[in-house]
């Protein structure tokens, strides 16, 4: 018989499919080594549910955003300049910069 091993299926066996929830997936993680992972995922899902439905704020107007960008760039440049202040000061206070020596130990001064 060709129908051997085939179970008849009724339309009532197919209920309305239920949406898969994150809690269903987390419940299937039974390995003890995955408990920390399970807790962190659950905490993330709780954190996400607090922010659902909140509206984003509108972006800043162009002049305001550009001003903030300039202020941030100024602060970054200021810290970079501060790093080099000691070197620049030392170079300004040097009476004569030493130039590389010519072979034989004589200094090289091209404009004498």
Foldseek 3Di string as FASTA:
>chain_A
DVCPPPDDDDPVVDDDDDDDDPVVVLVPPPDPVCPVVSVVVVVVVVVVVVCPPDDDDDDDDPVVVVVVVVVVVVVVVVVVVVVCPVVVVVVVPDPDDFDDADPPRHGDDPPD
